[in-house]
Amino acid sequence: MTQYYKFTNNSSHKRQFTWAYSIRPRSEMFERKCPECGVRDSYPSGAFDVVVEGGSKYPDVLGCGAYPFLILSESVINDWKDAGITAFETYPVGIAEVKSKKLQDVSAPNYYRVEFSGKCKIDLEASGFKVLNKCKSCGHITLDSPLVYEYHIVPDSWDGSPIFRDSDIFPRVIFCTELIVQLAKKNKRTNFRFSLMDQPEDFFSKGLDYLK
């Protein structure tokens, strides 16, 4: 049976790593506001720069407080390409300003925003979510979220990609297979947070100790 994981950055538990405090766009902004429900999206369509603060080291997964983008070092991107993983697009992320005194003279890795084409559908009922409303105009779904998060896939909806998401309902929640965990472990990539996709999320935990 295939084991699936949710992954993101681990910046809330790994304070030694700097994180992106704010974004400075250098690509056209994607702007959308639904006239019916009022839901609004506003974020760079491609490349952007960031202001980093805190920490004394640059991680391979750069946490982003301004918007939940996945920002990865070029080393991670190369790991994935070497393993034959290609179902993603990258956009350059530059360091516009460094507010951490300990990183003033430290060279940052090349970073990229990563967007995936791998897909699945999340079974909302099995995962404990309740649909409160679905906008007839834009399709935005308002959910009554459970106190403890877990995600279950609609059978046969996963397209087989090692990195995937439900782009319709949870576009910023990223899932992966064991391959991604093993690549992070093998190459000692920092600041990943892995947790079992179908198990309750413990936000007080540091997640899977994949470097062990």
C-alpha atoms as a PDB file:
ATOM      1  CA  MET A   1       0.000   0.000   0.000  1.00  0.00           C
ATOM      2  CA  THR A   2       1.372   3.398  -0.992  1.00  0.00           C
ATOM      3  CA  GLN A   3       2.106   5.735   1.926  1.00  0.00           C
ATOM      4  CA  TYR A   4       1.317   9.383   1.372  1.00  0.00           C
ATOM      5  CA  TYR A   5       2.651  12.382   3.276  1.00  0.00           C
ATOM      6  CA  LYS A   6       1.837  16.045   3.645  1.00  0.00           C
ATOM      7  CA  PHE A   7       4.854  18.300   3.463  1.00  0.00           C
ATOM      8  CA  THR A   8       5.694  21.930   4.048  1.00  0.00           C
ATOM      9  CA  ASN A   9       8.412  23.949   5.786  1.00  0.00           C
ATOM     10  CA  ASN A  10       9.258  23.405   9.452  1.00  0.00           C
ATOM     11  CA  SER A  11      10.144  27.005  10.285  1.00  0.00           C
ATOM     12  CA  SER A  12       7.892  27.205  13.344  1.00  0.00           C
ATOM     13  CA  HIS A  13      10.006  24.487  14.995  1.00  0.00           C
ATOM     14  CA  LYS A  14      13.386  25.150  13.379  1.00  0.00           C
ATOM     15  CA  ARG A  15      14.144  28.693  14.491  1.00  0.00           C
ATOM     16  CA  GLN A  16      17.778  28.450  13.440  1.00  0.00           C
ATOM     17  CA  PHE A  17      16.611  28.896   9.849  1.00  0.00           C
ATOM     18  CA  THR A  18      15.680  32.252   8.376  1.00  0.00           C
ATOM     19  CA  TRP A  19      12.297  32.699   6.720  1.00  0.00           C
ATOM     20  CA  ALA A  20      10.654  34.995   4.168  1.00  0.00           C
ATOM     21  CA  TYR A  21       9.029  37.841   6.057  1.00  0.00           C
ATOM     22  CA  SER A  22       7.522  39.591   3.021  1.00  0.00           C
ATOM     23  CA  ILE A  23       7.276  39.384  -0.783  1.00  0.00           C
ATOM     24  CA  ARG A  24       8.298  41.939  -3.380  1.00  0.00           C
ATOM     25  CA  PRO A  25       6.697  40.983  -6.725  1.00  0.00           C
ATOM     26  CA  ARG A  26       8.686  41.130  -9.959  1.00  0.00           C
ATOM     27  CA  SER A  27       6.084  39.425 -12.137  1.00  0.00           C
ATOM     28  CA  GLU A  28       2.535  40.404 -12.997  1.00  0.00           C
ATOM     29  CA  MET A  29       0.147  40.094 -10.077  1.00  0.00           C
ATOM     30  CA  PHE A  30      -2.712  37.605 -10.261  1.00  0.00           C
ATOM     31  CA  GLU A  31      -5.769  39.452  -8.989  1.00  0.00           C
ATOM     32  CA  ARG A  32      -9.234  38.002  -8.565  1.00  0.00           C
ATOM     33  CA  LYS A  33     -12.238  39.069  -6.517  1.00  0.00           C
ATOM     34  CA  CYS A  34     -15.548  37.281  -6.774  1.00  0.00           C
ATOM     35  CA  PRO A  35     -18.441  39.777  -7.101  1.00  0.00           C
ATOM     36  CA  GLU A  36     -20.806  37.344  -5.397  1.00  0.00           C
ATOM     37  CA  CYS A  37     -18.967  35.932  -2.368  1.00  0.00           C
ATOM     38  CA  GLY A  38     -16.185  38.522  -2.092  1.00  0.00           C
ATOM     39  CA  VAL A  39     -13.337  36.002  -1.951  1.00  0.00           C
ATOM     40  CA  ARG A  40     -10.138  37.596  -3.210  1.00  0.00           C
ATOM     41  CA  ASP A  41      -6.795  36.269  -4.421  1.00  0.00           C
ATOM     42  CA  SER A  42      -3.728  38.435  -4.928  1.00  0.00           C
ATOM     43  CA  TYR A  43      -0.234  37.046  -5.486  1.00  0.00           C
ATOM     44  CA  PRO A  44       2.658  37.199  -7.985  1.00  0.00           C
ATOM     45  CA  SER A  45       1.995  35.116 -11.088  1.00  0.00           C
ATOM     46  CA  GLY A  46       5.639  34.049 -11.372  1.00  0.00           C
ATOM     47  CA  ALA A  47       8.961  35.263  -9.969  1.00  0.00           C
ATOM     48  CA  PHE A  48       9.314  37.436  -6.869  1.00  0.00           C
ATOM     49  CA  ASP A  49      11.846  38.581  -4.288  1.00  0.00           C
ATOM     50  CA  VAL A  50      11.642  38.170  -0.535  1.00  0.00           C
ATOM     51  CA  VAL A  51      12.797  39.909   2.615  1.00  0.00           C
ATOM     52  CA  VAL A  52      14.213  37.389   5.081  1.00  0.00           C
ATOM     53  CA  GLU A  53      14.488  37.758   8.830  1.00  0.00           C
ATOM     54  CA  GLY A  54      15.571  35.746  11.853  1.00  0.00           C
ATOM     55  CA  GLY A  55      17.738  32.679  12.061  1.00  0.00           C
ATOM     56  CA  SER A  56      21.401  32.109  11.380  1.00  0.00           C
ATOM     57  CA  LYS A  57      21.209  29.690   8.441  1.00  0.00           C
ATOM     58  CA  TYR A  58      19.521  29.414   5.061  1.00  0.00           C
ATOM     59  CA  PRO A  59      17.331  26.279   4.763  1.00  0.00           C
ATOM     60  CA  ASP A  60      16.476  24.168   1.738  1.00  0.00           C
ATOM     61  CA  VAL A  61      12.775  24.830   2.344  1.00  0.00           C
ATOM     62  CA  LEU A  62      12.277  28.541   2.958  1.00  0.00           C
ATOM     63  CA  GLY A  63       9.208  29.329   5.036  1.00  0.00           C
ATOM     64  CA  CYS A  64       7.074  32.163   3.663  1.00  0.00           C
ATOM     65  CA  GLY A  65       4.936  34.180   6.034  1.00  0.00           C
ATOM     66  CA  ALA A  66       3.487  36.524   3.425  1.00  0.00           C
ATOM     67  CA  TYR A  67       1.782  33.793   1.367  1.00  0.00           C
ATOM     68  CA  PRO A  68       1.967  29.979   1.625  1.00  0.00           C
ATOM     69  CA  PHE A  69       4.203  29.426  -1.395  1.00  0.00           C
ATOM     70  CA  LEU A  70       6.537  26.453  -1.479  1.00  0.00           C
ATOM     71  CA  ILE A  71      10.050  27.902  -1.854  1.00  0.00           C
ATOM     72  CA  LEU A  72      12.880  25.427  -2.379  1.00  0.00           C
ATOM     73  CA  SER A  73      16.621  25.619  -2.876  1.00  0.00           C
ATOM     74  CA  GLU A  74      18.118  24.756  -6.237  1.00  0.00           C
ATOM     75  CA  SER A  75      19.706  21.704  -4.588  1.00  0.00           C
ATOM     76  CA  VAL A  76      16.286  20.188  -3.882  1.00  0.00           C
ATOM     77  CA  ILE A  77      15.122  20.963  -7.418  1.00  0.00           C
ATOM     78  CA  ASN A  78      18.183  19.166  -8.784  1.00  0.00           C
ATOM     79  CA  ASP A  79      17.585  16.178  -6.487  1.00  0.00           C
ATOM     80  CA  TRP A  80      14.104  15.800  -7.921  1.00  0.00           C
ATOM     81  CA  LYS A  81      15.197  16.213 -11.530  1.00  0.00           C
ATOM     82  CA  ASP A  82      17.954  13.627 -11.057  1.00  0.00           C
ATOM     83  CA  ALA A  83      15.289  11.232  -9.736  1.00  0.00           C
ATOM     84  CA  GLY A  84      13.195  11.780 -12.875  1.00  0.00           C
ATOM     85  CA  ILE A  85      10.576  14.020 -11.254  1.00  0.00           C
ATOM     86  CA  THR A  86       9.491  16.657 -13.768  1.00  0.00           C
ATOM     87  CA  ALA A  87       5.806  17.437 -13.084  1.00  0.00           C
ATOM     88  CA  PHE A  88       6.433  20.913 -11.689  1.00  0.00           C
ATOM     89  CA  GLU A  89       7.327  24.449 -12.740  1.00  0.00           C
ATOM     90  CA  THR A  90       9.811  26.774 -11.058  1.00  0.00           C
ATOM     91  CA  TYR A  91      10.011  30.561 -10.768  1.00  0.00           C
ATOM     92  CA  PRO A  92      13.080  32.405  -9.416  1.00  0.00           C
ATOM     93  CA  VAL A  93      12.926  33.825  -5.906  1.00  0.00           C
ATOM     94  CA  GLY A  94      15.575  36.420  -5.067  1.00  0.00           C
ATOM     95  CA  ILE A  95      16.690  37.778  -1.708  1.00  0.00           C
ATOM     96  CA  ALA A  96      15.878  41.491  -1.778  1.00  0.00           C
ATOM     97  CA  GLU A  97      16.815  42.288   1.815  1.00  0.00           C
ATOM     98  CA  VAL A  98      18.351  40.437   4.765  1.00  0.00           C
ATOM     99  CA  LYS A  99      17.217  41.585   8.206  1.00  0.00           C
ATOM    100  CA  SER A 100      19.087  38.903  10.144  1.00  0.00           C
ATOM    101  CA  LYS A 101      22.422  40.251  11.402  1.00  0.00           C
ATOM    102  CA  LYS A 102      23.889  36.744  11.411  1.00  0.00           C
ATOM    103  CA  LEU A 103      23.247  36.361   7.671  1.00  0.00           C
ATOM    104  CA  GLN A 104      24.509  39.724   6.445  1.00  0.00           C
ATOM    105  CA  ASP A 105      27.693  38.214   5.008  1.00  0.00           C
ATOM    106  CA  VAL A 106      26.335  34.749   4.180  1.00  0.00           C
ATOM    107  CA  SER A 107      25.614  33.782   0.576  1.00  0.00           C
ATOM    108  CA  ALA A 108      22.068  32.542   0.055  1.00  0.00           C
ATOM    109  CA  PRO A 109      21.287  29.512  -2.110  1.00  0.00           C
ATOM    110  CA  ASN A 110      19.359  29.999  -5.315  1.00  0.00           C
ATOM    111  CA  TYR A 111      15.688  29.692  -4.416  1.00  0.00           C
ATOM    112  CA  TYR A 112      12.633  28.888  -6.520  1.00  0.00           C
ATOM    113  CA  ARG A 113       8.907  28.992  -6.056  1.00  0.00           C
ATOM    114  CA  VAL A 114       7.545  25.597  -7.092  1.00  0.00           C
ATOM    115  CA  GLU A 115       4.106  24.814  -8.549  1.00  0.00           C
ATOM    116  CA  PHE A 116       2.989  21.224  -9.212  1.00  0.00           C
ATOM    117  CA  SER A 117       0.841  19.584 -11.860  1.00  0.00           C
ATOM    118  CA  GLY A 118       0.332  16.329  -9.924  1.00  0.00           C
ATOM    119  CA  LYS A 119      -3.297  15.920  -8.886  1.00  0.00           C
ATOM    120  CA  CYS A 120      -5.660  14.160  -6.539  1.00  0.00           C
ATOM    121  CA  LYS A 121      -9.107  14.768  -5.065  1.00  0.00           C
ATOM    122  CA  ILE A 122      -9.600  14.971  -1.328  1.00  0.00           C
ATOM    123  CA  ASP A 123     -12.598  13.120   0.084  1.00  0.00           C
ATOM    124  CA  LEU A 124     -14.017  15.892   2.272  1.00  0.00           C
ATOM    125  CA  GLU A 125     -16.445  13.695   4.200  1.00  0.00           C
ATOM    126  CA  ALA A 126     -13.862  11.020   4.958  1.00  0.00           C
ATOM    127  CA  SER A 127     -11.416  13.739   6.016  1.00  0.00           C
ATOM    128  CA  GLY A 128     -13.902  15.285   8.459  1.00  0.00           C
ATOM    129  CA  PHE A 129     -14.648  18.476   6.539  1.00  0.00           C
ATOM    130  CA  LYS A 130     -18.197  19.782   6.048  1.00  0.00           C
ATOM    131  CA  VAL A 131     -19.153  22.028   3.134  1.00  0.00           C
ATOM    132  CA  LEU A 132     -20.973  25.085   4.466  1.00  0.00           C
ATOM    133  CA  ASN A 133     -21.329  26.909   1.161  1.00  0.00           C
ATOM    134  CA  LYS A 134     -20.200  26.763  -2.468  1.00  0.00           C
ATOM    135  CA  CYS A 135     -20.233  30.003  -4.432  1.00  0.00           C
ATOM    136  CA  LYS A 136     -22.267  29.654  -7.628  1.00  0.00           C
ATOM    137  CA  SER A 137     -20.135  32.289  -9.331  1.00  0.00           C
ATOM    138  CA  CYS A 138     -16.499  31.313  -8.646  1.00  0.00           C
ATOM    139  CA  GLY A 139     -16.915  27.860  -7.111  1.00  0.00           C
ATOM    140  CA  HIS A 140     -15.156  28.796  -3.844  1.00  0.00           C
ATOM    141  CA  ILE A 141     -16.029  26.336  -1.099  1.00  0.00           C
ATOM    142  CA  THR A 142     -16.432  27.392   2.531  1.00  0.00           C
ATOM    143  CA  LEU A 143     -15.582  24.539   4.865  1.00  0.00           C
ATOM    144  CA  ASP A 144     -16.326  23.776   8.477  1.00  0.00           C
ATOM    145  CA  SER A 145     -12.877  22.448   9.344  1.00  0.00           C
ATOM    146  CA  PRO A 146     -12.247  19.782  11.974  1.00  0.00           C
ATOM    147  CA  LEU A 147     -10.040  20.638  14.933  1.00  0.00           C
ATOM    148  CA  VAL A 148      -7.598  17.930  13.854  1.00  0.00           C
ATOM    149  CA  TYR A 149      -6.555  17.807  10.210  1.00  0.00           C
ATOM    150  CA  GLU A 150      -6.181  14.637   8.192  1.00  0.00           C
ATOM    151  CA  TYR A 151      -6.632  14.073   4.479  1.00  0.00           C
ATOM    152  CA  HIS A 152      -8.075  11.095   2.618  1.00  0.00           C
ATOM    153  CA  ILE A 153      -7.925  10.702  -1.153  1.00  0.00           C
ATOM    154  CA  VAL A 154     -10.950   9.923  -3.298  1.00  0.00           C
ATOM    155  CA  PRO A 155     -10.217   6.404  -4.668  1.00  0.00           C
ATOM    156  CA  ASP A 156      -8.550   6.416  -8.104  1.00  0.00           C
ATOM    157  CA  SER A 157      -8.188  10.219  -8.155  1.00  0.00           C
ATOM    158  CA  TRP A 158      -4.409  10.326  -7.600  1.00  0.00           C
ATOM    159  CA  ASP A 159      -2.578  10.616 -10.937  1.00  0.00           C
ATOM    160  CA  GLY A 160       0.523   8.764  -9.749  1.00  0.00           C
ATOM    161  CA  SER A 161       2.799  11.813  -9.408  1.00  0.00           C
ATOM    162  CA  PRO A 162       5.232  11.726  -6.462  1.00  0.00           C
ATOM    163  CA  ILE A 163       4.186  15.308  -5.599  1.00  0.00           C
ATOM    164  CA  PHE A 164       0.536  16.286  -5.875  1.00  0.00           C
ATOM    165  CA  ARG A 165      -2.366  18.352  -4.522  1.00  0.00           C
ATOM    166  CA  ASP A 166      -6.088  18.986  -4.775  1.00  0.00           C
ATOM    167  CA  SER A 167      -5.754  22.214  -6.744  1.00  0.00           C
ATOM    168  CA  ASP A 168      -9.490  22.992  -6.574  1.00  0.00           C
ATOM    169  CA  ILE A 169     -10.044  22.899  -2.806  1.00  0.00           C
ATOM    170  CA  PHE A 170      -6.601  22.844  -1.152  1.00  0.00           C
ATOM    171  CA  PRO A 171      -4.225  24.458  -3.682  1.00  0.00           C
ATOM    172  CA  ARG A 172      -1.561  25.262  -1.057  1.00  0.00           C
ATOM    173  CA  VAL A 173      -1.578  21.901   0.720  1.00  0.00           C
ATOM    174  CA  ILE A 174       1.083  19.651  -0.813  1.00  0.00           C
ATOM    175  CA  PHE A 175       1.266  15.880  -0.641  1.00  0.00           C
ATOM    176  CA  CYS A 176       3.972  13.435  -1.666  1.00  0.00           C
ATOM    177  CA  THR A 177       5.059   9.815  -1.723  1.00  0.00           C
ATOM    178  CA  GLU A 178       7.873   8.120   0.172  1.00  0.00           C
ATOM    179  CA  LEU A 179      10.246   8.999  -2.678  1.00  0.00           C
ATOM    180  CA  ILE A 180      10.309  12.687  -1.689  1.00  0.00           C
ATOM    181  CA  VAL A 181      10.990  11.784   1.955  1.00  0.00           C
ATOM    182  CA  GLN A 182      13.838   9.483   0.982  1.00  0.00           C
ATOM    183  CA  LEU A 183      15.417  12.071  -1.324  1.00  0.00           C
ATOM    184  CA  ALA A 184      15.362  14.666   1.473  1.00  0.00           C
ATOM    185  CA  LYS A 185      16.925  12.099   3.830  1.00  0.00           C
ATOM    186  CA  LYS A 186      19.559  10.860   1.371  1.00  0.00           C
ATOM    187  CA  ASN A 187      20.718  14.368   0.445  1.00  0.00           C
ATOM    188  CA  LYS A 188      20.296  15.808   3.968  1.00  0.00           C
ATOM    189  CA  ARG A 189      18.006  18.641   2.854  1.00  0.00           C
ATOM    190  CA  THR A 190      16.915  20.927   5.661  1.00  0.00           C
ATOM    191  CA  ASN A 191      13.652  22.296   7.039  1.00  0.00           C
ATOM    192  CA  PHE A 192      11.200  19.863   5.470  1.00  0.00           C
ATOM    193  CA  ARG A 193       8.198  18.977   7.607  1.00  0.00           C
ATOM    194  CA  PHE A 194       6.656  15.610   6.721  1.00  0.00           C
ATOM    195  CA  SER A 195       3.571  14.134   8.366  1.00  0.00           C
ATOM    196  CA  LEU A 196       1.358  11.217   7.427  1.00  0.00           C
ATOM    197  CA  MET A 197      -1.385  12.449   5.140  1.00  0.00           C
ATOM    198  CA  ASP A 198      -4.194  10.289   6.533  1.00  0.00           C
ATOM    199  CA  GLN A 199      -3.327  10.690  10.211  1.00  0.00           C
ATOM    200  CA  PRO A 200      -4.342  13.528  12.564  1.00  0.00           C
ATOM    201  CA  GLU A 201      -1.910  16.419  12.319  1.00  0.00           C
ATOM    202  CA  ASP A 202      -0.048  17.236  15.534  1.00  0.00           C
ATOM    203  CA  PHE A 203       0.901  20.885  15.148  1.00  0.00           C
ATOM    204  CA  PHE A 204       3.003  20.764  18.306  1.00  0.00           C
ATOM    205  CA  SER A 205       5.183  18.055  16.792  1.00  0.00           C
ATOM    206  CA  LYS A 206       8.245  18.655  14.631  1.00  0.00           C
ATOM    207  CA  GLY A 207       6.931  16.050  12.201  1.00  0.00           C
ATOM    208  CA  LEU A 208       8.759  13.012  10.876  1.00  0.00           C
ATOM    209  CA  ASP A 209      12.425  12.898  11.858  1.00  0.00           C
ATOM    210  CA  TYR A 210      13.464  12.152   8.266  1.00  0.00           C
ATOM    211  CA  LEU A 211      17.165  12.971   8.763  1.00  0.00           C
ATOM    212  CA  LYS A 212      17.593  10.266  11.399  1.00  0.00           C
END
